[in-house]
């Protein structure tokens, strides 16, 4: 919806990025509103891993936003190169989650967390960019029907179907879980080409466990990933800060909270899904015990 230019601020002698709304988007009130909302949301954020806004304005009827210029490569490009080891990847995720935790504290939900929206500079610092789909947590449109927005592979179930729960900070937590899955396996958990099939897989939550793709993945970091990607928002980490805490525990070699909780929760859900089969098994077992207890009297 916009073009981004590298420009020179001649007054302050520095490079900046200027994001200009495309001419065609000016005819779309929704597009123009999203662009204005992005500027307002970014103006509220002050974090080292989020480019700051310096100015907004209009040129030849085209609105623009002036932001920090970040010299670097997208995380998407770095993953294609395969040069980052697993620990370096998790370090990046910790900082990305910290940036989102700050945004959430200011009442801003990103809604489009993905490798292409993370720029890693020469020092290895990640910067979360493109708040074009961001919403204030109090915005009614955040949970409105028929307004699914995001990049399909990283969308949470509630972004696709509101019956799965309200969109909010845990929506970004889900995307962080998908990102962690990709950092661990070099692939996204759901990758159907057909968008309908892709959405069905996301809504069912049938992702292949990371360790089934790579046995070298530590069970604890797998548990962190799966908890962040839980189908129901209430089953995920309550915040990006909670996710960070478990990532730091894993990095320090300490037990993560997700592994114990995830194991118990998975068992409960499995029992609930198969309660009919379990009931039939219990009845059958009870009948078998009754027959065996009567057996001595029958002969």
C-alpha atoms as a PDB file:
ATOM      1  CA  UNK A   1       0.000   0.000   0.000  1.00  0.00           C
ATOM      2  CA  UNK A   2       3.041   2.287   0.158  1.00  0.00           C
ATOM      3  CA  UNK A   3       6.478   2.946  -1.283  1.00  0.00           C
ATOM      4  CA  UNK A   4       9.458   3.382   1.033  1.00  0.00           C
ATOM      5  CA  UNK A   5      12.294   5.714   0.043  1.00  0.00           C
ATOM      6  CA  UNK A   6      15.716   6.222   1.537  1.00  0.00           C
ATOM      7  CA  UNK A   7      16.208   9.956   1.972  1.00  0.00           C
ATOM      8  CA  UNK A   8      18.623  12.437   3.513  1.00  0.00           C
ATOM      9  CA  UNK A   9      17.593  14.768   6.316  1.00  0.00           C
ATOM     10  CA  UNK A  10      19.788  17.747   5.400  1.00  0.00           C
ATOM     11  CA  UNK A  11      18.968  19.639   8.590  1.00  0.00           C
ATOM     12  CA  UNK A  12      20.072  16.880  10.972  1.00  0.00           C
ATOM     13  CA  UNK A  13      22.553  15.229   8.560  1.00  0.00           C
ATOM     14  CA  UNK A  14      21.134  11.714   8.754  1.00  0.00           C
ATOM     15  CA  UNK A  15      19.449   9.118   6.553  1.00  0.00           C
ATOM     16  CA  UNK A  16      15.746   8.478   7.088  1.00  0.00           C
ATOM     17  CA  UNK A  17      13.060   6.302   5.571  1.00  0.00           C
ATOM     18  CA  UNK A  18      10.037   7.996   4.001  1.00  0.00           C
ATOM     19  CA  UNK A  19       6.951   5.849   3.585  1.00  0.00           C
ATOM     20  CA  UNK A  20       4.571   7.333   0.995  1.00  0.00           C
ATOM     21  CA  UNK A  21       1.039   6.082   0.387  1.00  0.00           C
ATOM     22  CA  UNK A  22       0.651   4.851  -3.181  1.00  0.00           C
ATOM     23  CA  UNK A  23      -1.484   7.034  -5.473  1.00  0.00           C
ATOM     24  CA  UNK A  24      -4.065   4.281  -6.007  1.00  0.00           C
ATOM     25  CA  UNK A  25      -4.574   3.886  -2.264  1.00  0.00           C
ATOM     26  CA  UNK A  26      -5.740   7.505  -2.009  1.00  0.00           C
ATOM     27  CA  UNK A  27      -9.033   6.467  -3.603  1.00  0.00           C
ATOM     28  CA  UNK A  28      -9.566   3.818  -0.923  1.00  0.00           C
ATOM     29  CA  UNK A  29     -10.803   5.375   2.339  1.00  0.00           C
ATOM     30  CA  UNK A  30      -9.885   2.213   4.251  1.00  0.00           C
ATOM     31  CA  UNK A  31      -6.307   2.284   2.926  1.00  0.00           C
ATOM     32  CA  UNK A  32      -5.875   5.936   3.791  1.00  0.00           C
ATOM     33  CA  UNK A  33      -7.314   5.307   7.254  1.00  0.00           C
ATOM     34  CA  UNK A  34      -4.866   2.417   7.826  1.00  0.00           C
ATOM     35  CA  UNK A  35      -1.958   4.656   6.809  1.00  0.00           C
ATOM     36  CA  UNK A  36      -3.053   7.374   9.228  1.00  0.00           C
ATOM     37  CA  UNK A  37      -3.537   4.795  11.985  1.00  0.00           C
ATOM     38  CA  UNK A  38      -0.022   3.446  11.378  1.00  0.00           C
ATOM     39  CA  UNK A  39       1.444   6.926  11.879  1.00  0.00           C
ATOM     40  CA  UNK A  40      -0.548   7.466  15.087  1.00  0.00           C
ATOM     41  CA  UNK A  41       0.371   4.040  16.466  1.00  0.00           C
ATOM     42  CA  UNK A  42       4.075   4.383  15.669  1.00  0.00           C
ATOM     43  CA  UNK A  43       4.171   7.829  17.256  1.00  0.00           C
ATOM     44  CA  UNK A  44       3.231   6.203  20.591  1.00  0.00           C
ATOM     45  CA  UNK A  45       6.139   3.747  20.532  1.00  0.00           C
ATOM     46  CA  UNK A  46       9.648   4.349  21.872  1.00  0.00           C
ATOM     47  CA  UNK A  47      11.699   1.151  21.749  1.00  0.00           C
ATOM     48  CA  UNK A  48      15.213   0.377  20.421  1.00  0.00           C
ATOM     49  CA  UNK A  49      13.818  -2.440  18.255  1.00  0.00           C
ATOM     50  CA  UNK A  50      11.069  -0.343  16.640  1.00  0.00           C
ATOM     51  CA  UNK A  51      11.987   2.474  14.193  1.00  0.00           C
ATOM     52  CA  UNK A  52      10.851   5.838  15.568  1.00  0.00           C
ATOM     53  CA  UNK A  53       8.595   8.256  13.705  1.00  0.00           C
ATOM     54  CA  UNK A  54      10.081  11.720  13.148  1.00  0.00           C
ATOM     55  CA  UNK A  55       7.438  13.449  11.068  1.00  0.00           C
ATOM     56  CA  UNK A  56       4.247  13.061   9.063  1.00  0.00           C
ATOM     57  CA  UNK A  57       3.011  15.232   6.217  1.00  0.00           C
ATOM     58  CA  UNK A  58       1.561  15.385   2.745  1.00  0.00           C
ATOM     59  CA  UNK A  59       3.170  15.964  -0.656  1.00  0.00           C
ATOM     60  CA  UNK A  60       1.098  16.364  -3.846  1.00  0.00           C
ATOM     61  CA  UNK A  61      -1.924  14.950  -1.987  1.00  0.00           C
ATOM     62  CA  UNK A  62       0.083  11.867  -0.922  1.00  0.00           C
ATOM     63  CA  UNK A  63       0.517  11.445   2.849  1.00  0.00           C
ATOM     64  CA  UNK A  64       3.902  10.292   4.123  1.00  0.00           C
ATOM     65  CA  UNK A  65       5.613   9.129   7.313  1.00  0.00           C
ATOM     66  CA  UNK A  66       9.274   9.855   8.100  1.00  0.00           C
ATOM     67  CA  UNK A  67      10.925   7.099  10.173  1.00  0.00           C
ATOM     68  CA  UNK A  68      14.349   5.883  11.269  1.00  0.00           C
ATOM     69  CA  UNK A  69      16.282   4.353   8.395  1.00  0.00           C
ATOM     70  CA  UNK A  70      17.520   0.860   9.304  1.00  0.00           C
ATOM     71  CA  UNK A  71      20.478  -0.475   7.326  1.00  0.00           C
ATOM     72  CA  UNK A  72      20.246  -4.258   7.183  1.00  0.00           C
ATOM     73  CA  UNK A  73      18.525  -7.320   5.783  1.00  0.00           C
ATOM     74  CA  UNK A  74      15.166  -8.850   6.514  1.00  0.00           C
ATOM     75  CA  UNK A  75      15.043 -11.915   8.730  1.00  0.00           C
ATOM     76  CA  UNK A  76      13.402 -13.637   5.759  1.00  0.00           C
ATOM     77  CA  UNK A  77      16.575 -13.122   3.693  1.00  0.00           C
ATOM     78  CA  UNK A  78      18.830 -14.249   6.544  1.00  0.00           C
ATOM     79  CA  UNK A  79      16.836 -17.459   6.980  1.00  0.00           C
ATOM     80  CA  UNK A  80      17.207 -18.182   3.274  1.00  0.00           C
ATOM     81  CA  UNK A  81      20.990 -17.885   3.672  1.00  0.00           C
ATOM     82  CA  UNK A  82      20.969 -20.333   6.571  1.00  0.00           C
ATOM     83  CA  UNK A  83      23.787 -18.531   8.375  1.00  0.00           C
ATOM     84  CA  UNK A  84      22.083 -18.070  11.748  1.00  0.00           C
ATOM     85  CA  UNK A  85      22.494 -20.848  14.302  1.00  0.00           C
ATOM     86  CA  UNK A  86      19.611 -21.833  16.565  1.00  0.00           C
ATOM     87  CA  UNK A  87      20.770 -19.796  19.558  1.00  0.00           C
ATOM     88  CA  UNK A  88      21.214 -16.655  17.441  1.00  0.00           C
ATOM     89  CA  UNK A  89      17.718 -17.160  16.040  1.00  0.00           C
ATOM     90  CA  UNK A  90      16.202 -17.405  19.509  1.00  0.00           C
ATOM     91  CA  UNK A  91      18.138 -14.291  20.591  1.00  0.00           C
ATOM     92  CA  UNK A  92      16.507 -12.392  17.723  1.00  0.00           C
ATOM     93  CA  UNK A  93      13.073 -13.688  18.693  1.00  0.00           C
ATOM     94  CA  UNK A  94      13.563 -12.532  22.302  1.00  0.00           C
ATOM     95  CA  UNK A  95      14.204  -8.976  21.107  1.00  0.00           C
ATOM     96  CA  UNK A  96      11.311  -9.049  18.634  1.00  0.00           C
ATOM     97  CA  UNK A  97       9.009 -10.252  21.413  1.00  0.00           C
ATOM     98  CA  UNK A  98      10.329  -7.446  23.621  1.00  0.00           C
ATOM     99  CA  UNK A  99       9.447  -4.879  20.965  1.00  0.00           C
ATOM    100  CA  UNK A 100       5.929  -6.306  20.689  1.00  0.00           C
ATOM    101  CA  UNK A 101       5.564  -6.395  24.476  1.00  0.00           C
ATOM    102  CA  UNK A 102       6.292  -2.651  24.460  1.00  0.00           C
ATOM    103  CA  UNK A 103       3.711  -2.090  21.704  1.00  0.00           C
ATOM    104  CA  UNK A 104       1.137  -4.111  23.645  1.00  0.00           C
ATOM    105  CA  UNK A 105       1.832  -2.053  26.766  1.00  0.00           C
ATOM    106  CA  UNK A 106       0.934   1.020  24.691  1.00  0.00           C
ATOM    107  CA  UNK A 107      -2.267  -0.673  23.527  1.00  0.00           C
ATOM    108  CA  UNK A 108      -1.020  -1.457  19.984  1.00  0.00           C
ATOM    109  CA  UNK A 109      -1.444  -4.872  18.312  1.00  0.00           C
ATOM    110  CA  UNK A 110       0.844  -5.429  15.283  1.00  0.00           C
ATOM    111  CA  UNK A 111      -1.195  -8.188  13.510  1.00  0.00           C
ATOM    112  CA  UNK A 112       1.421  -8.871  10.815  1.00  0.00           C
ATOM    113  CA  UNK A 113       4.467 -10.334  12.556  1.00  0.00           C
ATOM    114  CA  UNK A 114       6.597 -12.247  10.030  1.00  0.00           C
ATOM    115  CA  UNK A 115      10.270 -12.499   8.928  1.00  0.00           C
ATOM    116  CA  UNK A 116       9.753  -9.992   6.094  1.00  0.00           C
ATOM    117  CA  UNK A 117       8.719  -7.371   8.677  1.00  0.00           C
ATOM    118  CA  UNK A 118      11.850  -7.790  10.776  1.00  0.00           C
ATOM    119  CA  UNK A 119      15.044  -6.032   9.637  1.00  0.00           C
ATOM    120  CA  UNK A 120      18.305  -7.179  11.232  1.00  0.00           C
ATOM    121  CA  UNK A 121      21.058  -4.559  11.191  1.00  0.00           C
ATOM    122  CA  UNK A 122      24.824  -5.092  10.910  1.00  0.00           C
ATOM    123  CA  UNK A 123      25.117  -5.429  14.703  1.00  0.00           C
ATOM    124  CA  UNK A 124      22.560  -8.244  14.728  1.00  0.00           C
ATOM    125  CA  UNK A 125      19.807  -6.101  16.243  1.00  0.00           C
ATOM    126  CA  UNK A 126      16.298  -6.815  14.916  1.00  0.00           C
ATOM    127  CA  UNK A 127      13.848  -4.017  14.150  1.00  0.00           C
ATOM    128  CA  UNK A 128      10.111  -4.652  13.872  1.00  0.00           C
ATOM    129  CA  UNK A 129       8.725  -2.664  10.948  1.00  0.00           C
ATOM    130  CA  UNK A 130       5.504  -2.212   8.958  1.00  0.00           C
ATOM    131  CA  UNK A 131       2.769  -1.404  11.436  1.00  0.00           C
ATOM    132  CA  UNK A 132       0.410  -0.907   8.491  1.00  0.00           C
ATOM    133  CA  UNK A 133      -2.082  -3.460   9.867  1.00  0.00           C
ATOM    134  CA  UNK A 134      -1.643  -2.457  13.492  1.00  0.00           C
ATOM    135  CA  UNK A 135      -4.674  -1.603  15.578  1.00  0.00           C
ATOM    136  CA  UNK A 136      -5.288  -0.063  18.945  1.00  0.00           C
ATOM    137  CA  UNK A 137      -6.447  -2.788  21.327  1.00  0.00           C
ATOM    138  CA  UNK A 138      -9.586  -0.730  21.989  1.00  0.00           C
ATOM    139  CA  UNK A 139     -10.468  -0.429  18.280  1.00  0.00           C
ATOM    140  CA  UNK A 140     -13.805  -2.218  17.614  1.00  0.00           C
ATOM    141  CA  UNK A 141     -12.557  -3.134  14.126  1.00  0.00           C
ATOM    142  CA  UNK A 142      -9.905  -5.358  15.737  1.00  0.00           C
ATOM    143  CA  UNK A 143     -12.501  -8.080  16.275  1.00  0.00           C
ATOM    144  CA  UNK A 144     -15.083  -7.147  13.637  1.00  0.00           C
ATOM    145  CA  UNK A 145     -16.487  -9.904  11.429  1.00  0.00           C
ATOM    146  CA  UNK A 146     -15.286 -10.054   7.835  1.00  0.00           C
ATOM    147  CA  UNK A 147     -12.170  -7.978   8.426  1.00  0.00           C
ATOM    148  CA  UNK A 148      -9.528 -10.721   8.520  1.00  0.00           C
ATOM    149  CA  UNK A 149      -6.157  -9.089   7.952  1.00  0.00           C
ATOM    150  CA  UNK A 150      -2.615 -10.364   8.049  1.00  0.00           C
ATOM    151  CA  UNK A 151      -0.240 -12.658   6.193  1.00  0.00           C
ATOM    152  CA  UNK A 152      -2.054 -16.037   5.985  1.00  0.00           C
ATOM    153  CA  UNK A 153       0.833 -18.298   7.110  1.00  0.00           C
ATOM    154  CA  UNK A 154       1.232 -16.303  10.345  1.00  0.00           C
ATOM    155  CA  UNK A 155      -2.424 -15.556  11.120  1.00  0.00           C
ATOM    156  CA  UNK A 156      -3.925 -16.721  14.396  1.00  0.00           C
ATOM    157  CA  UNK A 157      -7.239 -18.626  14.353  1.00  0.00           C
ATOM    158  CA  UNK A 158      -9.093 -15.607  15.763  1.00  0.00           C
ATOM    159  CA  UNK A 159      -7.862 -13.471  12.850  1.00  0.00           C
ATOM    160  CA  UNK A 160      -9.585 -15.904  10.504  1.00  0.00           C
ATOM    161  CA  UNK A 161     -12.717 -16.657  12.509  1.00  0.00           C
ATOM    162  CA  UNK A 162     -13.815 -14.518  15.456  1.00  0.00           C
ATOM    163  CA  UNK A 163     -15.571 -17.469  17.100  1.00  0.00           C
ATOM    164  CA  UNK A 164     -12.111 -18.650  18.166  1.00  0.00           C
ATOM    165  CA  UNK A 165     -11.837 -15.729  20.543  1.00  0.00           C
ATOM    166  CA  UNK A 166     -11.081 -12.015  20.568  1.00  0.00           C
ATOM    167  CA  UNK A 167      -8.047 -10.669  18.737  1.00  0.00           C
ATOM    168  CA  UNK A 168      -5.511  -9.006  20.987  1.00  0.00           C
ATOM    169  CA  UNK A 169      -1.978  -9.268  22.327  1.00  0.00           C
ATOM    170  CA  UNK A 170      -2.175 -13.075  22.259  1.00  0.00           C
ATOM    171  CA  UNK A 171      -2.769 -12.822  18.501  1.00  0.00           C
ATOM    172  CA  UNK A 172       0.765 -11.460  18.168  1.00  0.00           C
ATOM    173  CA  UNK A 173       1.960 -14.147  20.603  1.00  0.00           C
ATOM    174  CA  UNK A 174       0.588 -16.767  18.184  1.00  0.00           C
ATOM    175  CA  UNK A 175       2.521 -15.181  15.305  1.00  0.00           C
ATOM    176  CA  UNK A 176       5.655 -15.244  17.467  1.00  0.00           C
ATOM    177  CA  UNK A 177       5.022 -18.968  17.977  1.00  0.00           C
ATOM    178  CA  UNK A 178       4.761 -19.483  14.207  1.00  0.00           C
ATOM    179  CA  UNK A 179       7.958 -17.476  13.778  1.00  0.00           C
ATOM    180  CA  UNK A 180       9.709 -19.634  16.405  1.00  0.00           C
ATOM    181  CA  UNK A 181       8.503 -22.759  14.570  1.00  0.00           C
ATOM    182  CA  UNK A 182      10.068 -21.398  11.389  1.00  0.00           C
ATOM    183  CA  UNK A 183      13.289 -20.481  13.187  1.00  0.00           C
ATOM    184  CA  UNK A 184      13.534 -24.048  14.501  1.00  0.00           C
ATOM    185  CA  UNK A 185      12.526 -25.974  11.365  1.00  0.00           C
ATOM    186  CA  UNK A 186      13.123 -23.537   8.468  1.00  0.00           C
ATOM    187  CA  UNK A 187       9.482 -23.917   7.488  1.00  0.00           C
ATOM    188  CA  UNK A 188       6.099 -22.575   8.569  1.00  0.00           C
ATOM    189  CA  UNK A 189       3.750 -24.971  10.410  1.00  0.00           C
ATOM    190  CA  UNK A 190       0.966 -24.652   7.847  1.00  0.00           C
ATOM    191  CA  UNK A 191       1.956 -24.330   4.192  1.00  0.00           C
ATOM    192  CA  UNK A 192      -0.984 -25.292   1.977  1.00  0.00           C
ATOM    193  CA  UNK A 193      -1.066 -23.457  -1.355  1.00  0.00           C
ATOM    194  CA  UNK A 194      -4.856 -23.126  -1.382  1.00  0.00           C
ATOM    195  CA  UNK A 195      -5.888 -20.374   1.047  1.00  0.00           C
ATOM    196  CA  UNK A 196      -9.049 -22.230   2.084  1.00  0.00           C
ATOM    197  CA  UNK A 197      -7.096 -25.382   2.942  1.00  0.00           C
ATOM    198  CA  UNK A 198      -4.493 -23.284   4.736  1.00  0.00           C
ATOM    199  CA  UNK A 199      -7.121 -21.583   6.893  1.00  0.00           C
ATOM    200  CA  UNK A 200      -8.744 -24.931   7.704  1.00  0.00           C
ATOM    201  CA  UNK A 201      -5.407 -26.303   8.914  1.00  0.00           C
ATOM    202  CA  UNK A 202      -4.844 -23.229  11.087  1.00  0.00           C
ATOM    203  CA  UNK A 203      -8.359 -23.459  12.551  1.00  0.00           C
ATOM    204  CA  UNK A 204      -7.834 -27.152  13.344  1.00  0.00           C
ATOM    205  CA  UNK A 205      -4.368 -26.606  14.762  1.00  0.00           C
ATOM    206  CA  UNK A 206      -2.919 -29.738  13.156  1.00  0.00           C
ATOM    207  CA  UNK A 207       0.730 -28.694  12.919  1.00  0.00           C
ATOM    208  CA  UNK A 208       3.485 -31.307  12.795  1.00  0.00           C
ATOM    209  CA  UNK A 209       5.522 -31.089  15.998  1.00  0.00           C
ATOM    210  CA  UNK A 210       8.956 -29.530  15.317  1.00  0.00           C
ATOM    211  CA  UNK A 211      10.825 -32.543  16.734  1.00  0.00           C
ATOM    212  CA  UNK A 212       9.118 -34.794  14.208  1.00  0.00           C
ATOM    213  CA  UNK A 213      10.885 -32.747  11.527  1.00  0.00           C
ATOM    214  CA  UNK A 214      14.221 -32.446  13.345  1.00  0.00           C
ATOM    215  CA  UNK A 215      15.088 -34.628  16.355  1.00  0.00           C
ATOM    216  CA  UNK A 216      17.930 -32.262  17.304  1.00  0.00           C
ATOM    217  CA  UNK A 217      15.361 -29.682  18.478  1.00  0.00           C
ATOM    218  CA  UNK A 218      15.293 -29.550  22.260  1.00  0.00           C
ATOM    219  CA  UNK A 219      11.953 -30.717  23.768  1.00  0.00           C
ATOM    220  CA  UNK A 220      11.776 -27.615  25.976  1.00  0.00           C
ATOM    221  CA  UNK A 221      12.033 -25.112  23.111  1.00  0.00           C
ATOM    222  CA  UNK A 222       9.480 -27.201  21.200  1.00  0.00           C
ATOM    223  CA  UNK A 223       7.132 -26.907  24.182  1.00  0.00           C
ATOM    224  CA  UNK A 224       7.579 -23.109  24.196  1.00  0.00           C
ATOM    225  CA  UNK A 225       6.757 -22.991  20.487  1.00  0.00           C
ATOM    226  CA  UNK A 226       3.641 -25.142  20.796  1.00  0.00           C
ATOM    227  CA  UNK A 227       2.308 -23.210  23.783  1.00  0.00           C
ATOM    228  CA  UNK A 228       2.641 -19.906  21.917  1.00  0.00           C
ATOM    229  CA  UNK A 229       0.746 -21.531  19.006  1.00  0.00           C
ATOM    230  CA  UNK A 230      -2.138 -22.966  21.043  1.00  0.00           C
ATOM    231  CA  UNK A 231      -5.441 -22.918  19.158  1.00  0.00           C
ATOM    232  CA  UNK A 232      -7.387 -21.042  21.865  1.00  0.00           C
ATOM    233  CA  UNK A 233      -5.961 -17.641  22.898  1.00  0.00           C
ATOM    234  CA  UNK A 234      -6.477 -18.426  26.594  1.00  0.00           C
ATOM    235  CA  UNK A 235      -4.213 -21.477  26.310  1.00  0.00           C
ATOM    236  CA  UNK A 236      -1.265 -19.458  24.959  1.00  0.00           C
ATOM    237  CA  UNK A 237       1.159 -17.333  26.912  1.00  0.00           C
ATOM    238  CA  UNK A 238      -0.816 -14.496  28.442  1.00  0.00           C
ATOM    239  CA  UNK A 239       1.665 -11.953  27.092  1.00  0.00           C
ATOM    240  CA  UNK A 240       4.807 -11.536  25.031  1.00  0.00           C
ATOM    241  CA  UNK A 241       6.634 -10.983  28.336  1.00  0.00           C
ATOM    242  CA  UNK A 242       5.654 -14.476  29.515  1.00  0.00           C
ATOM    243  CA  UNK A 243       6.968 -15.925  26.264  1.00  0.00           C
ATOM    244  CA  UNK A 244      10.241 -14.030  26.750  1.00  0.00           C
ATOM    245  CA  UNK A 245      10.594 -15.440  30.269  1.00  0.00           C
ATOM    246  CA  UNK A 246      10.395 -19.012  28.985  1.00  0.00           C
ATOM    247  CA  UNK A 247      12.775 -18.286  26.095  1.00  0.00           C
ATOM    248  CA  UNK A 248      15.292 -16.877  28.584  1.00  0.00           C
ATOM    249  CA  UNK A 249      14.879 -19.949  30.816  1.00  0.00           C
ATOM    250  CA  UNK A 250      15.629 -22.177  27.842  1.00  0.00           C
ATOM    251  CA  UNK A 251      18.644 -20.098  26.889  1.00  0.00           C
ATOM    252  CA  UNK A 252      19.957 -20.358  30.467  1.00  0.00           C
ATOM    253  CA  UNK A 253      19.470 -24.128  30.515  1.00  0.00           C
ATOM    254  CA  UNK A 254      16.622 -23.935  33.034  1.00  0.00           C
ATOM    255  CA  UNK A 255      13.348 -25.913  32.800  1.00  0.00           C
ATOM    256  CA  UNK A 256      10.646 -24.008  30.932  1.00  0.00           C
ATOM    257  CA  UNK A 257       7.158 -23.627  32.332  1.00  0.00           C
ATOM    258  CA  UNK A 258       5.567 -24.491  28.996  1.00  0.00           C
ATOM    259  CA  UNK A 259       6.765 -28.098  28.936  1.00  0.00           C
ATOM    260  CA  UNK A 260       4.956 -29.207  32.086  1.00  0.00           C
ATOM    261  CA  UNK A 261       1.844 -27.149  31.362  1.00  0.00           C
ATOM    262  CA  UNK A 262       1.719 -28.222  27.717  1.00  0.00           C
ATOM    263  CA  UNK A 263       2.040 -31.910  28.603  1.00  0.00           C
ATOM    264  CA  UNK A 264      -0.820 -31.739  31.108  1.00  0.00           C
ATOM    265  CA  UNK A 265      -3.010 -29.631  28.819  1.00  0.00           C
ATOM    266  CA  UNK A 266      -2.375 -31.927  25.862  1.00  0.00           C
ATOM    267  CA  UNK A 267      -3.347 -34.956  27.927  1.00  0.00           C
ATOM    268  CA  UNK A 268      -6.563 -33.308  29.119  1.00  0.00           C
ATOM    269  CA  UNK A 269      -7.515 -32.264  25.575  1.00  0.00           C
ATOM    270  CA  UNK A 270      -6.715 -35.721  24.244  1.00  0.00           C
ATOM    271  CA  UNK A 271      -8.956 -37.276  26.896  1.00  0.00           C
ATOM    272  CA  UNK A 272     -11.719 -34.795  26.072  1.00  0.00           C
ATOM    273  CA  UNK A 273     -11.468 -35.515  22.329  1.00  0.00           C
ATOM    274  CA  UNK A 274     -11.601 -39.261  22.883  1.00  0.00           C
ATOM    275  CA  UNK A 275     -13.941 -39.416  25.872  1.00  0.00           C
ATOM    276  CA  UNK A 276     -16.430 -41.569  23.945  1.00  0.00           C
ATOM    277  CA  UNK A 277     -13.790 -44.145  23.064  1.00  0.00           C
ATOM    278  CA  UNK A 278     -12.485 -44.026  26.628  1.00  0.00           C
ATOM    279  CA  UNK A 279     -16.019 -44.504  27.970  1.00  0.00           C
ATOM    280  CA  UNK A 280     -16.548 -47.567  25.751  1.00  0.00           C
ATOM    281  CA  UNK A 281     -13.161 -48.907  26.843  1.00  0.00           C
ATOM    282  CA  UNK A 282     -14.028 -48.360  30.510  1.00  0.00           C
ATOM    283  CA  UNK A 283     -17.374 -50.141  30.105  1.00  0.00           C
ATOM    284  CA  UNK A 284     -15.677 -53.008  28.299  1.00  0.00           C
ATOM    285  CA  UNK A 285     -12.995 -53.254  30.953  1.00  0.00           C
ATOM    286  CA  UNK A 286     -15.589 -53.233  33.725  1.00  0.00           C
ATOM    287  CA  UNK A 287     -17.526 -55.994  31.989  1.00  0.00           C
ATOM    288  CA  UNK A 288     -14.347 -58.048  31.603  1.00  0.00           C
ATOM    289  CA  UNK A 289     -13.550 -57.649  35.298  1.00  0.00           C
ATOM    290  CA  UNK A 290     -17.091 -58.719  36.183  1.00  0.00           C
ATOM    291  CA  UNK A 291     -16.832 -61.847  34.035  1.00  0.00           C
ATOM    292  CA  UNK A 292     -13.468 -62.752  35.533  1.00  0.00           C
ATOM    293  CA  UNK A 293     -14.754 -62.242  39.072  1.00  0.00           C
ATOM    294  CA  UNK A 294     -17.680 -64.595  38.368  1.00  0.00           C
ATOM    295  CA  UNK A 295     -15.554 -67.175  36.633  1.00  0.00           C
ATOM    296  CA  UNK A 296     -14.739 -69.285  39.744  1.00  0.00           C
ATOM    297  CA  UNK A 297     -18.456 -69.681  40.443  1.00  0.00           C
ATOM    298  CA  UNK A 298     -19.213 -70.765  36.919  1.00  0.00           C
ATOM    299  CA  UNK A 299     -17.088 -73.893  37.059  1.00  0.00           C
END
